[in-house]
Amino acid sequence: MCTFVIIIHMRRIEAEGLPSFKKVLIIESNPQLTEILSTYLNFSGLAQDITLTNSLASAQRYLEQAKATKQPPQLLLTELQLRVGDTFALLKQLKADDSPLKRVPVVVMTRADDPII
């Protein structure tokens, strides 16, 4: 169910003629949802270079490398409640940084049955 909602919103973005993102980082622990998102972004032309990760630790390593090379992703899609790690801490760190990472737009995804809602 949540997959279809995401795709509907992505189609709205596509219909409004927004530019595609060259580099996208997806942080998602559900492999099926990761596959759906990356396939859709790739085939729709909304993203060219997609990096997939299922943990905050690997996402932090990717972001540190992106900061060091000054090649941040243009979009970050992240699950709100990952199985391991604190998504809120990552977002605070990302937005508090005085590097190009501060300007990276973030889309936070969650399931409707998450207890945080």
N, C-alpha and C. Protein backbone atom coordinates (compact mmCIF):
# COMPACT_ATOMS: atom_id res chain seq x y z
N MET A 1 0.82 -1.20 0.00
CA MET A 1 0.00 0.00 0.00
C MET A 1 0.86 1.26 0.00
N CYS A 2 1.85 1.34 0.89
CA CYS A 2 2.67 2.55 0.97
C CYS A 2 3.48 2.74 -0.31
N THR A 3 3.82 1.65 -0.98
CA THR A 3 4.58 1.75 -2.22
C THR A 3 3.81 2.55 -3.26
N PHE A 4 2.53 2.30 -3.38
CA PHE A 4 1.73 3.01 -4.37
C PHE A 4 1.62 4.50 -4.05
N VAL A 5 1.54 4.84 -2.77
CA VAL A 5 1.49 6.26 -2.38
C VAL A 5 2.77 6.95 -2.79
N ILE A 6 3.92 6.32 -2.56
CA ILE A 6 5.20 6.90 -2.95
C ILE A 6 5.25 7.13 -4.45
N ILE A 7 4.83 6.13 -5.21
CA ILE A 7 4.87 6.26 -6.68
C ILE A 7 3.94 7.35 -7.16
N ILE A 8 2.77 7.48 -6.57
CA ILE A 8 1.85 8.55 -6.96
C ILE A 8 2.50 9.91 -6.72
N HIS A 9 3.15 10.10 -5.57
CA HIS A 9 3.81 11.37 -5.29
C HIS A 9 4.98 11.61 -6.25
N MET A 10 5.72 10.57 -6.59
CA MET A 10 6.83 10.73 -7.53
C MET A 10 6.29 11.10 -8.92
N ARG A 11 5.15 10.58 -9.28
CA ARG A 11 4.56 10.95 -10.59
C ARG A 11 4.16 12.42 -10.59
N ARG A 12 3.69 12.92 -9.46
CA ARG A 12 3.36 14.35 -9.38
C ARG A 12 4.62 15.18 -9.58
N ILE A 13 5.70 14.77 -8.97
CA ILE A 13 6.97 15.48 -9.14
C ILE A 13 7.36 15.46 -10.61
N GLU A 14 7.27 14.29 -11.22
CA GLU A 14 7.64 14.14 -12.63
C GLU A 14 6.74 15.02 -13.52
N ALA A 15 5.45 15.06 -13.24
CA ALA A 15 4.51 15.81 -14.05
C ALA A 15 4.76 17.32 -13.97
N GLU A 16 5.28 17.78 -12.85
CA GLU A 16 5.53 19.21 -12.70
C GLU A 16 6.81 19.64 -13.40
N GLY A 17 7.52 18.72 -14.01
CA GLY A 17 8.70 19.07 -14.78
C GLY A 17 9.92 19.42 -13.96
N LEU A 18 10.02 18.90 -12.75
CA LEU A 18 11.19 19.17 -11.94
C LEU A 18 12.40 18.43 -12.52
N PRO A 19 13.59 18.97 -12.35
CA PRO A 19 14.77 18.33 -12.94
C PRO A 19 15.07 17.00 -12.25
N SER A 20 15.78 16.15 -12.98
CA SER A 20 16.19 14.88 -12.38
C SER A 20 17.37 15.11 -11.44
N PHE A 21 17.59 14.17 -10.58
CA PHE A 21 18.68 14.24 -9.62
C PHE A 21 19.81 13.36 -10.11
N LYS A 22 21.03 13.90 -10.17
CA LYS A 22 22.15 13.11 -10.64
C LYS A 22 22.53 12.02 -9.65
N LYS A 23 22.59 12.38 -8.36
CA LYS A 23 22.99 11.42 -7.32
C LYS A 23 21.92 11.36 -6.25
N VAL A 24 21.47 10.14 -5.97
CA VAL A 24 20.44 9.93 -4.95
C VAL A 24 20.94 8.86 -3.99
N LEU A 25 20.76 9.10 -2.70
CA LEU A 25 21.07 8.11 -1.67
C LEU A 25 19.76 7.63 -1.07
N ILE A 26 19.55 6.31 -1.08
CA ILE A 26 18.36 5.71 -0.48
C ILE A 26 18.80 4.89 0.73
N ILE A 27 18.24 5.24 1.90
CA ILE A 27 18.50 4.49 3.13
C ILE A 27 17.19 3.80 3.50
N GLU A 28 17.13 2.50 3.30
CA GLU A 28 15.89 1.74 3.49
C GLU A 28 16.24 0.30 3.85
N SER A 29 15.64 -0.22 4.92
CA SER A 29 15.95 -1.58 5.35
C SER A 29 15.09 -2.64 4.68
N ASN A 30 14.02 -2.24 4.02
CA ASN A 30 13.16 -3.20 3.33
C ASN A 30 13.67 -3.38 1.89
N PRO A 31 14.25 -4.55 1.57
CA PRO A 31 14.83 -4.74 0.24
C PRO A 31 13.84 -4.61 -0.91
N GLN A 32 12.59 -5.01 -0.68
CA GLN A 32 11.59 -4.90 -1.74
C GLN A 32 11.26 -3.45 -2.05
N LEU A 33 11.11 -2.64 -1.01
CA LEU A 33 10.82 -1.23 -1.22
C LEU A 33 12.02 -0.53 -1.86
N THR A 34 13.22 -0.91 -1.43
CA THR A 34 14.43 -0.34 -2.03
C THR A 34 14.47 -0.62 -3.52
N GLU A 35 14.15 -1.84 -3.90
CA GLU A 35 14.14 -2.22 -5.31
C GLU A 35 13.10 -1.44 -6.10
N ILE A 36 11.91 -1.29 -5.54
CA ILE A 36 10.84 -0.54 -6.21
C ILE A 36 11.25 0.92 -6.40
N LEU A 37 11.75 1.54 -5.34
CA LEU A 37 12.16 2.95 -5.43
C LEU A 37 13.27 3.16 -6.44
N SER A 38 14.31 2.35 -6.35
CA SER A 38 15.45 2.55 -7.25
C SER A 38 15.06 2.28 -8.70
N THR A 39 14.25 1.25 -8.93
CA THR A 39 13.81 0.95 -10.30
C THR A 39 12.98 2.10 -10.85
N TYR A 40 12.04 2.59 -10.05
CA TYR A 40 11.20 3.69 -10.52
C TYR A 40 12.02 4.94 -10.80
N LEU A 41 12.89 5.32 -9.88
CA LEU A 41 13.71 6.52 -10.07
C LEU A 41 14.60 6.39 -11.29
N ASN A 42 15.13 5.20 -11.50
CA ASN A 42 16.02 4.97 -12.63
C ASN A 42 15.27 5.03 -13.97
N PHE A 43 14.19 4.26 -14.07
CA PHE A 43 13.47 4.19 -15.34
C PHE A 43 12.67 5.45 -15.66
N SER A 44 12.29 6.21 -14.65
CA SER A 44 11.55 7.44 -14.89
C SER A 44 12.47 8.59 -15.31
N GLY A 45 13.77 8.38 -15.11
CA GLY A 45 14.71 9.45 -15.43
C GLY A 45 14.86 10.47 -14.32
N LEU A 46 14.25 10.22 -13.16
CA LEU A 46 14.35 11.16 -12.05
C LEU A 46 15.70 11.09 -11.35
N ALA A 47 16.43 9.99 -11.54
CA ALA A 47 17.74 9.84 -10.92
C ALA A 47 18.68 9.11 -11.87
N GLN A 48 19.95 9.50 -11.84
CA GLN A 48 20.93 8.88 -12.71
C GLN A 48 21.85 7.93 -11.96
N ASP A 49 22.31 8.33 -10.79
CA ASP A 49 23.25 7.53 -9.99
C ASP A 49 22.62 7.31 -8.62
N ILE A 50 22.17 6.07 -8.36
CA ILE A 50 21.46 5.76 -7.12
C ILE A 50 22.35 4.87 -6.25
N THR A 51 22.55 5.30 -5.02
CA THR A 51 23.29 4.50 -4.04
C THR A 51 22.28 3.97 -3.04
N LEU A 52 22.32 2.65 -2.83
CA LEU A 52 21.39 1.99 -1.92
C LEU A 52 22.14 1.56 -0.66
N THR A 53 21.53 1.79 0.48
CA THR A 53 22.11 1.32 1.73
C THR A 53 20.97 0.93 2.67
N ASN A 54 21.23 -0.06 3.51
CA ASN A 54 20.17 -0.51 4.42
C ASN A 54 20.49 -0.21 5.88
N SER A 55 21.53 0.60 6.12
CA SER A 55 21.88 0.93 7.50
C SER A 55 22.40 2.36 7.60
N LEU A 56 22.24 2.92 8.79
CA LEU A 56 22.76 4.27 9.02
C LEU A 56 24.28 4.30 9.00
N ALA A 57 24.92 3.22 9.45
CA ALA A 57 26.39 3.19 9.47
C ALA A 57 26.94 3.30 8.05
N SER A 58 26.39 2.55 7.12
CA SER A 58 26.89 2.64 5.74
C SER A 58 26.49 3.97 5.10
N ALA A 59 25.34 4.51 5.48
CA ALA A 59 24.94 5.82 4.96
C ALA A 59 25.89 6.90 5.47
N GLN A 60 26.28 6.81 6.73
CA GLN A 60 27.21 7.80 7.28
C GLN A 60 28.57 7.72 6.60
N ARG A 61 29.04 6.51 6.30
CA ARG A 61 30.31 6.36 5.57
C ARG A 61 30.19 7.00 4.18
N TYR A 62 29.08 6.75 3.50
CA TYR A 62 28.86 7.34 2.18
C TYR A 62 28.85 8.86 2.26
N LEU A 63 28.14 9.41 3.25
CA LEU A 63 28.03 10.86 3.38
C LEU A 63 29.37 11.51 3.75
N GLU A 64 30.16 10.84 4.57
CA GLU A 64 31.49 11.36 4.91
C GLU A 64 32.37 11.41 3.66
N GLN A 65 32.30 10.37 2.84
CA GLN A 65 33.07 10.36 1.59
C GLN A 65 32.56 11.44 0.64
N ALA A 66 31.26 11.61 0.58
CA ALA A 66 30.68 12.64 -0.28
C ALA A 66 31.12 14.02 0.17
N LYS A 67 31.20 14.23 1.48
CA LYS A 67 31.64 15.51 2.02
C LYS A 67 33.12 15.74 1.68
N ALA A 68 33.93 14.70 1.83
CA ALA A 68 35.37 14.82 1.57
C ALA A 68 35.65 15.11 0.10
N THR A 69 34.88 14.51 -0.79
CA THR A 69 35.10 14.70 -2.23
C THR A 69 34.29 15.87 -2.77
N LYS A 70 33.48 16.47 -1.90
CA LYS A 70 32.60 17.59 -2.30
C LYS A 70 31.65 17.20 -3.42
N GLN A 71 31.16 15.96 -3.34
CA GLN A 71 30.19 15.46 -4.32
C GLN A 71 28.99 14.86 -3.58
N PRO A 72 28.21 15.70 -2.92
CA PRO A 72 27.08 15.18 -2.15
C PRO A 72 25.96 14.68 -3.05
N PRO A 73 25.10 13.84 -2.51
CA PRO A 73 23.92 13.46 -3.29
C PRO A 73 23.02 14.68 -3.46
N GLN A 74 22.22 14.67 -4.49
CA GLN A 74 21.28 15.77 -4.70
C GLN A 74 19.95 15.51 -4.00
N LEU A 75 19.76 14.27 -3.56
CA LEU A 75 18.52 13.91 -2.85
C LEU A 75 18.82 12.73 -1.94
N LEU A 76 18.21 12.75 -0.74
CA LEU A 76 18.34 11.64 0.20
C LEU A 76 16.95 11.16 0.55
N LEU A 77 16.68 9.87 0.30
CA LEU A 77 15.43 9.24 0.70
C LEU A 77 15.76 8.33 1.86
N THR A 78 15.09 8.50 2.99
CA THR A 78 15.40 7.67 4.15
C THR A 78 14.15 7.19 4.85
N GLU A 79 14.26 6.00 5.36
CA GLU A 79 13.22 5.42 6.20
C GLU A 79 13.28 6.12 7.56
N LEU A 80 12.15 6.40 8.15
CA LEU A 80 12.13 7.09 9.45
C LEU A 80 12.66 6.20 10.57
N GLN A 81 12.20 4.97 10.61
CA GLN A 81 12.60 4.08 11.69
C GLN A 81 13.37 2.89 11.13
N LEU A 82 14.67 3.02 11.06
CA LEU A 82 15.50 1.92 10.64
C LEU A 82 15.64 0.93 11.79
N ARG A 83 15.94 -0.31 11.44
CA ARG A 83 16.06 -1.35 12.48
C ARG A 83 17.21 -1.06 13.44
N VAL A 84 18.29 -0.49 12.92
CA VAL A 84 19.45 -0.17 13.75
C VAL A 84 19.85 1.28 13.47
N GLY A 85 19.98 2.08 14.52
CA GLY A 85 20.43 3.46 14.35
C GLY A 85 19.32 4.45 14.59
N ASP A 86 19.71 5.70 14.65
CA ASP A 86 18.80 6.79 14.95
C ASP A 86 18.74 7.74 13.75
N THR A 87 17.66 7.64 13.00
CA THR A 87 17.49 8.48 11.81
C THR A 87 17.47 9.96 12.19
N PHE A 88 16.83 10.29 13.31
CA PHE A 88 16.77 11.69 13.73
C PHE A 88 18.15 12.26 14.00
N ALA A 89 19.02 11.46 14.61
CA ALA A 89 20.40 11.92 14.88
C ALA A 89 21.14 12.17 13.57
N LEU A 90 20.94 11.30 12.59
CA LEU A 90 21.58 11.50 11.29
C LEU A 90 21.09 12.79 10.64
N LEU A 91 19.79 13.03 10.70
CA LEU A 91 19.23 14.24 10.08
C LEU A 91 19.72 15.51 10.79
N LYS A 92 19.81 15.47 12.11
CA LYS A 92 20.34 16.62 12.86
C LYS A 92 21.79 16.89 12.47
N GLN A 93 22.56 15.83 12.38
CA GLN A 93 23.98 15.96 12.00
C GLN A 93 24.10 16.51 10.59
N LEU A 94 23.28 16.00 9.70
CA LEU A 94 23.32 16.42 8.30
C LEU A 94 22.98 17.90 8.16
N LYS A 95 21.95 18.34 8.85
CA LYS A 95 21.49 19.73 8.70
C LYS A 95 22.32 20.71 9.54
N ALA A 96 23.06 20.23 10.53
CA ALA A 96 23.89 21.11 11.35
C ALA A 96 25.26 21.33 10.72
N ASP A 97 25.59 20.52 9.76
CA ASP A 97 26.91 20.55 9.14
C ASP A 97 27.08 21.83 8.31
N ASP A 98 28.29 22.37 8.29
CA ASP A 98 28.59 23.54 7.46
C ASP A 98 29.24 23.13 6.15
N SER A 99 28.74 22.08 5.56
CA SER A 99 29.28 21.58 4.31
C SER A 99 28.17 21.53 3.27
N PRO A 100 28.49 21.11 2.06
CA PRO A 100 27.43 20.98 1.05
C PRO A 100 26.32 20.01 1.44
N LEU A 101 26.56 19.15 2.43
CA LEU A 101 25.54 18.20 2.87
C LEU A 101 24.34 18.90 3.49
N LYS A 102 24.54 20.09 4.02
CA LYS A 102 23.45 20.83 4.66
C LYS A 102 22.34 21.16 3.68
N ARG A 103 22.69 21.30 2.43
CA ARG A 103 21.71 21.70 1.41
C ARG A 103 21.04 20.52 0.70
N VAL A 104 21.36 19.30 1.11
CA VAL A 104 20.77 18.12 0.48
C VAL A 104 19.31 17.99 0.91
N PRO A 105 18.37 17.99 -0.04
CA PRO A 105 16.97 17.77 0.34
C PRO A 105 16.78 16.34 0.83
N VAL A 106 15.91 16.19 1.83
CA VAL A 106 15.66 14.88 2.44
C VAL A 106 14.18 14.57 2.34
N VAL A 107 13.87 13.35 1.89
CA VAL A 107 12.50 12.84 1.90
C VAL A 107 12.49 11.71 2.92
N VAL A 108 11.65 11.86 3.95
CA VAL A 108 11.56 10.84 5.00
C VAL A 108 10.33 9.99 4.73
N MET A 109 10.55 8.68 4.70
CA MET A 109 9.47 7.74 4.42
C MET A 109 9.14 6.97 5.69
N THR A 110 7.86 6.62 5.84
CA THR A 110 7.45 5.79 6.96
C THR A 110 6.22 5.00 6.54
N ARG A 111 5.95 3.94 7.28
CA ARG A 111 4.75 3.14 7.03
C ARG A 111 3.62 3.71 7.86
N ALA A 112 2.41 3.52 7.40
CA ALA A 112 1.24 4.03 8.13
C ALA A 112 1.04 3.33 9.47
N ASP A 113 1.60 2.14 9.64
CA ASP A 113 1.44 1.44 10.90
C ASP A 113 2.59 1.67 11.87
N ASP A 114 3.50 2.62 11.55
CA ASP A 114 4.59 2.96 12.47
C ASP A 114 4.00 3.57 13.73
N PRO A 115 4.48 3.15 14.91
CA PRO A 115 3.91 3.69 16.15
C PRO A 115 4.26 5.15 16.40
N ILE A 116 5.21 5.72 15.65
CA ILE A 116 5.62 7.10 15.88
C ILE A 116 4.59 8.08 15.32
N ILE A 117 3.74 7.63 14.43
CA ILE A 117 2.76 8.53 13.79
C ILE A 117 1.61 8.79 14.70
